Amino acid sequence: MGWLTRNDPFNKALEHYSRLRGLQDSPERYSSELLEVIRLCQKALHRLPTDGDAYVMLANGYQLMAIEAQIAGNLQGYDLSMRLAGAVIYEWMDVPNWTRNKETGAEVLSQIRAYFEVDGLSESQVRMGMASLRDGLLPMALGKT
């Protein structure tokens, strides 16, 4: 639903997200744009908690933040960012929402599941773990703490 108005936070997040592609050689600017994407997606979700596109972009933003942390050798930052992404994408799965690009959401979910995958866990155990993660970290991920 974020696509309905030009000045809404989700559309502003899209603008910042599109700038990320050209900033791989400028880590400070990349980080700044990525933080703005996250902030604007949080704002969009405060405004419209069923905006599925904002959930997907927010989870993807946290994944990108995790990659930045991993490159910098910050394993705690990597772990926290992946967990925040997991909390957001699991909420996206459970909240009735409208999402234009469900394929991207499914891809983000798949990557998060791969991160949390542990040999021997059943599908229901993985889902329970992700629900627990969501319950513990979603307020932080949505900027409500």
C-alpha atoms as a PDB file:
ATOM      1  CA  MET A   1       0.000   0.000   0.000  1.00  0.00           C
ATOM      2  CA  GLY A   2       3.048   2.253   0.371  1.00  0.00           C
ATOM      3  CA  TRP A   3       2.906   2.969  -3.364  1.00  0.00           C
ATOM      4  CA  LEU A   4      -0.289   4.996  -3.138  1.00  0.00           C
ATOM      5  CA  THR A   5       1.174   8.398  -2.238  1.00  0.00           C
ATOM      6  CA  ARG A   6       4.339  10.020  -3.445  1.00  0.00           C
ATOM      7  CA  ASN A   7       5.477  11.475  -0.117  1.00  0.00           C
ATOM      8  CA  ASP A   8       4.805   8.506   2.058  1.00  0.00           C
ATOM      9  CA  PRO A   9       7.735   6.994   4.000  1.00  0.00           C
ATOM     10  CA  PHE A  10       7.803   3.759   2.002  1.00  0.00           C
ATOM     11  CA  ASN A  11       8.270   5.590  -1.305  1.00  0.00           C
ATOM     12  CA  LYS A  12      11.043   7.672   0.250  1.00  0.00           C
ATOM     13  CA  ALA A  13      12.635   4.400   1.445  1.00  0.00           C
ATOM     14  CA  LEU A  14      12.485   3.124  -2.146  1.00  0.00           C
ATOM     15  CA  GLU A  15      14.373   6.215  -3.319  1.00  0.00           C
ATOM     16  CA  HIS A  16      17.131   5.646  -0.759  1.00  0.00           C
ATOM     17  CA  TYR A  17      17.217   1.920  -1.519  1.00  0.00           C
ATOM     18  CA  SER A  18      17.752   2.614  -5.213  1.00  0.00           C
ATOM     19  CA  ARG A  19      20.801   4.753  -4.350  1.00  0.00           C
ATOM     20  CA  LEU A  20      22.520   1.829  -2.621  1.00  0.00           C
ATOM     21  CA  ARG A  21      23.577   0.169  -5.883  1.00  0.00           C
ATOM     22  CA  GLY A  22      26.006   2.934  -6.788  1.00  0.00           C
ATOM     23  CA  LEU A  23      27.530   3.299  -3.336  1.00  0.00           C
ATOM     24  CA  GLN A  24      29.451   0.033  -2.798  1.00  0.00           C
ATOM     25  CA  ASP A  25      32.737   1.960  -3.123  1.00  0.00           C
ATOM     26  CA  SER A  26      31.651   4.537  -0.539  1.00  0.00           C
ATOM     27  CA  PRO A  27      31.006   2.612   2.702  1.00  0.00           C
ATOM     28  CA  GLU A  28      30.029   5.659   4.777  1.00  0.00           C
ATOM     29  CA  ARG A  29      27.450   6.888   2.280  1.00  0.00           C
ATOM     30  CA  TYR A  30      26.184   3.326   1.769  1.00  0.00           C
ATOM     31  CA  SER A  31      25.693   2.919   5.542  1.00  0.00           C
ATOM     32  CA  SER A  32      23.956   6.275   5.768  1.00  0.00           C
ATOM     33  CA  GLU A  33      21.526   5.440   2.950  1.00  0.00           C
ATOM     34  CA  LEU A  34      20.884   1.977   4.410  1.00  0.00           C
ATOM     35  CA  LEU A  35      20.078   3.429   7.836  1.00  0.00           C
ATOM     36  CA  GLU A  36      17.664   5.826   6.148  1.00  0.00           C
ATOM     37  CA  VAL A  37      15.973   2.916   4.348  1.00  0.00           C
ATOM     38  CA  ILE A  38      15.512   1.154   7.685  1.00  0.00           C
ATOM     39  CA  ARG A  39      14.248   4.289   9.451  1.00  0.00           C
ATOM     40  CA  LEU A  40      11.752   5.065   6.687  1.00  0.00           C
ATOM     41  CA  CYS A  41      10.459   1.486   6.563  1.00  0.00           C
ATOM     42  CA  GLN A  42       9.954   1.608  10.339  1.00  0.00           C
ATOM     43  CA  LYS A  43       8.065   4.875   9.910  1.00  0.00           C
ATOM     44  CA  ALA A  44       5.944   3.365   7.127  1.00  0.00           C
ATOM     45  CA  LEU A  45       5.038   0.430   9.368  1.00  0.00           C
ATOM     46  CA  HIS A  46       4.114   2.748  12.247  1.00  0.00           C
ATOM     47  CA  ARG A  47       1.799   4.499   9.816  1.00  0.00           C
ATOM     48  CA  LEU A  48       0.390   1.357   8.171  1.00  0.00           C
ATOM     49  CA  PRO A  49       1.175  -1.878  10.072  1.00  0.00           C
ATOM     50  CA  THR A  50      -0.089  -4.038   7.192  1.00  0.00           C
ATOM     51  CA  ASP A  51       2.281  -2.656   4.527  1.00  0.00           C
ATOM     52  CA  GLY A  52       3.843  -5.918   3.394  1.00  0.00           C
ATOM     53  CA  ASP A  53       6.293  -4.188   1.062  1.00  0.00           C
ATOM     54  CA  ALA A  54       7.689  -2.186   4.003  1.00  0.00           C
ATOM     55  CA  TYR A  55       8.183  -5.412   6.006  1.00  0.00           C
ATOM     56  CA  VAL A  56      10.056  -7.016   3.118  1.00  0.00           C
ATOM     57  CA  MET A  57      12.273  -3.980   2.512  1.00  0.00           C
ATOM     58  CA  LEU A  58      12.959  -3.591   6.246  1.00  0.00           C
ATOM     59  CA  ALA A  59      14.021  -7.242   6.546  1.00  0.00           C
ATOM     60  CA  ASN A  60      16.171  -6.854   3.447  1.00  0.00           C
ATOM     61  CA  GLY A  61      17.710  -3.706   4.943  1.00  0.00           C
ATOM     62  CA  TYR A  62      18.685  -5.602   8.072  1.00  0.00           C
ATOM     63  CA  GLN A  63      20.194  -8.356   5.909  1.00  0.00           C
ATOM     64  CA  LEU A  64      22.289  -5.780   4.072  1.00  0.00           C
ATOM     65  CA  MET A  65      23.360  -4.360   7.420  1.00  0.00           C
ATOM     66  CA  ALA A  66      24.401  -7.868   8.465  1.00  0.00           C
ATOM     67  CA  ILE A  67      26.564  -8.187   5.364  1.00  0.00           C
ATOM     68  CA  GLU A  68      28.230  -4.860   6.185  1.00  0.00           C
ATOM     69  CA  ALA A  69      28.947  -6.072   9.720  1.00  0.00           C
ATOM     70  CA  GLN A  70      30.320  -9.374   8.438  1.00  0.00           C
ATOM     71  CA  ILE A  71      32.678  -7.589   6.017  1.00  0.00           C
ATOM     72  CA  ALA A  72      33.877  -5.384   8.882  1.00  0.00           C
ATOM     73  CA  GLY A  73      34.500  -8.483  11.038  1.00  0.00           C
ATOM     74  CA  ASN A  74      31.766  -7.508  13.482  1.00  0.00           C
ATOM     75  CA  LEU A  75      30.221 -10.923  14.183  1.00  0.00           C
ATOM     76  CA  GLN A  76      27.950  -9.626  16.949  1.00  0.00           C
ATOM     77  CA  GLY A  77      26.583  -6.966  14.607  1.00  0.00           C
ATOM     78  CA  TYR A  78      26.119  -9.600  11.921  1.00  0.00           C
ATOM     79  CA  ASP A  79      24.227 -11.896  14.273  1.00  0.00           C
ATOM     80  CA  LEU A  80      21.990  -9.133  15.657  1.00  0.00           C
ATOM     81  CA  SER A  81      21.159  -7.786  12.192  1.00  0.00           C
ATOM     82  CA  MET A  82      20.257 -11.252  10.894  1.00  0.00           C
ATOM     83  CA  ARG A  83      18.063 -11.843  13.934  1.00  0.00           C
ATOM     84  CA  LEU A  84      16.299  -8.501  13.414  1.00  0.00           C
ATOM     85  CA  ALA A  85      15.743  -9.449   9.765  1.00  0.00           C
ATOM     86  CA  GLY A  86      14.330 -12.788  10.915  1.00  0.00           C
ATOM     87  CA  ALA A  87      11.937 -11.137  13.366  1.00  0.00           C
ATOM     88  CA  VAL A  88      10.637  -8.792  10.671  1.00  0.00           C
ATOM     89  CA  ILE A  89      10.221 -11.380   7.928  1.00  0.00           C
ATOM     90  CA  TYR A  90       8.454 -13.787  10.287  1.00  0.00           C
ATOM     91  CA  GLU A  91       6.030 -10.996  11.218  1.00  0.00           C
ATOM     92  CA  TRP A  92       5.503 -10.382   7.495  1.00  0.00           C
ATOM     93  CA  MET A  93       4.524 -14.046   7.126  1.00  0.00           C
ATOM     94  CA  ASP A  94       1.971 -13.844   9.941  1.00  0.00           C
ATOM     95  CA  VAL A  95       0.399 -10.411   9.459  1.00  0.00           C
ATOM     96  CA  PRO A  96      -2.342 -10.113   6.869  1.00  0.00           C
ATOM     97  CA  ASN A  97      -0.786  -7.714   4.409  1.00  0.00           C
ATOM     98  CA  TRP A  98      -0.639  -6.675   0.816  1.00  0.00           C
ATOM     99  CA  THR A  99       2.721  -7.174  -0.868  1.00  0.00           C
ATOM    100  CA  ARG A 100       3.437  -6.379  -4.504  1.00  0.00           C
ATOM    101  CA  ASN A 101       6.649  -8.379  -4.591  1.00  0.00           C
ATOM    102  CA  LYS A 102       5.994 -11.590  -2.702  1.00  0.00           C
ATOM    103  CA  GLU A 103       8.918 -13.257  -4.490  1.00  0.00           C
ATOM    104  CA  THR A 104      11.371 -10.918  -2.761  1.00  0.00           C
ATOM    105  CA  GLY A 105       9.721 -11.653   0.582  1.00  0.00           C
ATOM    106  CA  ALA A 106      10.017 -15.380  -0.055  1.00  0.00           C
ATOM    107  CA  GLU A 107      13.682 -14.952  -1.005  1.00  0.00           C
ATOM    108  CA  VAL A 108      14.437 -12.969   2.165  1.00  0.00           C
ATOM    109  CA  LEU A 109      12.625 -15.599   4.216  1.00  0.00           C
ATOM    110  CA  SER A 110      14.637 -18.356   2.545  1.00  0.00           C
ATOM    111  CA  GLN A 111      17.928 -16.593   3.311  1.00  0.00           C
ATOM    112  CA  ILE A 112      16.937 -16.007   6.931  1.00  0.00           C
ATOM    113  CA  ARG A 113      15.914 -19.640   7.316  1.00  0.00           C
ATOM    114  CA  ALA A 114      19.256 -20.743   5.858  1.00  0.00           C
ATOM    115  CA  TYR A 115      21.006 -18.595   8.463  1.00  0.00           C
ATOM    116  CA  PHE A 116      19.066 -20.219  11.302  1.00  0.00           C
ATOM    117  CA  GLU A 117      19.073 -23.714   9.867  1.00  0.00           C
ATOM    118  CA  VAL A 118      20.492 -26.296  12.208  1.00  0.00           C
ATOM    119  CA  ASP A 119      20.791 -29.933  11.192  1.00  0.00           C
ATOM    120  CA  GLY A 120      18.121 -32.115  12.704  1.00  0.00           C
ATOM    121  CA  LEU A 121      15.478 -29.450  13.349  1.00  0.00           C
ATOM    122  CA  SER A 122      12.014 -30.118  12.042  1.00  0.00           C
ATOM    123  CA  GLU A 123      10.066 -27.491  10.146  1.00  0.00           C
ATOM    124  CA  SER A 124       7.865 -26.911  13.193  1.00  0.00           C
ATOM    125  CA  GLN A 125      10.956 -26.394  15.387  1.00  0.00           C
ATOM    126  CA  VAL A 126      12.335 -23.837  12.937  1.00  0.00           C
ATOM    127  CA  ARG A 127       8.970 -22.016  12.905  1.00  0.00           C
ATOM    128  CA  MET A 128       8.811 -22.041  16.715  1.00  0.00           C
ATOM    129  CA  GLY A 129      12.324 -20.619  16.882  1.00  0.00           C
ATOM    130  CA  MET A 130      11.473 -17.868  14.417  1.00  0.00           C
ATOM    131  CA  ALA A 131       8.296 -17.050  16.349  1.00  0.00           C
ATOM    132  CA  SER A 132      10.342 -16.777  19.522  1.00  0.00           C
ATOM    133  CA  LEU A 133      12.793 -14.509  17.754  1.00  0.00           C
ATOM    134  CA  ARG A 134       9.964 -12.323  16.488  1.00  0.00           C
ATOM    135  CA  ASP A 135       8.400 -12.100  19.926  1.00  0.00           C
ATOM    136  CA  GLY A 136      11.693 -10.998  21.471  1.00  0.00           C
ATOM    137  CA  LEU A 137      13.130  -8.661  18.823  1.00  0.00           C
ATOM    138  CA  LEU A 138      10.248  -7.267  16.757  1.00  0.00           C
ATOM    139  CA  PRO A 139       9.788  -4.092  18.840  1.00  0.00           C
ATOM    140  CA  MET A 140      13.498  -3.277  18.406  1.00  0.00           C
ATOM    141  CA  ALA A 141      13.383  -4.097  14.696  1.00  0.00           C
ATOM    142  CA  LEU A 142      10.400  -1.781  14.225  1.00  0.00           C
ATOM    143  CA  GLY A 143      12.074   1.023  16.189  1.00  0.00           C
ATOM    144  CA  LYS A 144       9.627   0.860  19.072  1.00  0.00           C
ATOM    145  CA  THR A 145      12.179   0.523  21.866  1.00  0.00           C
END
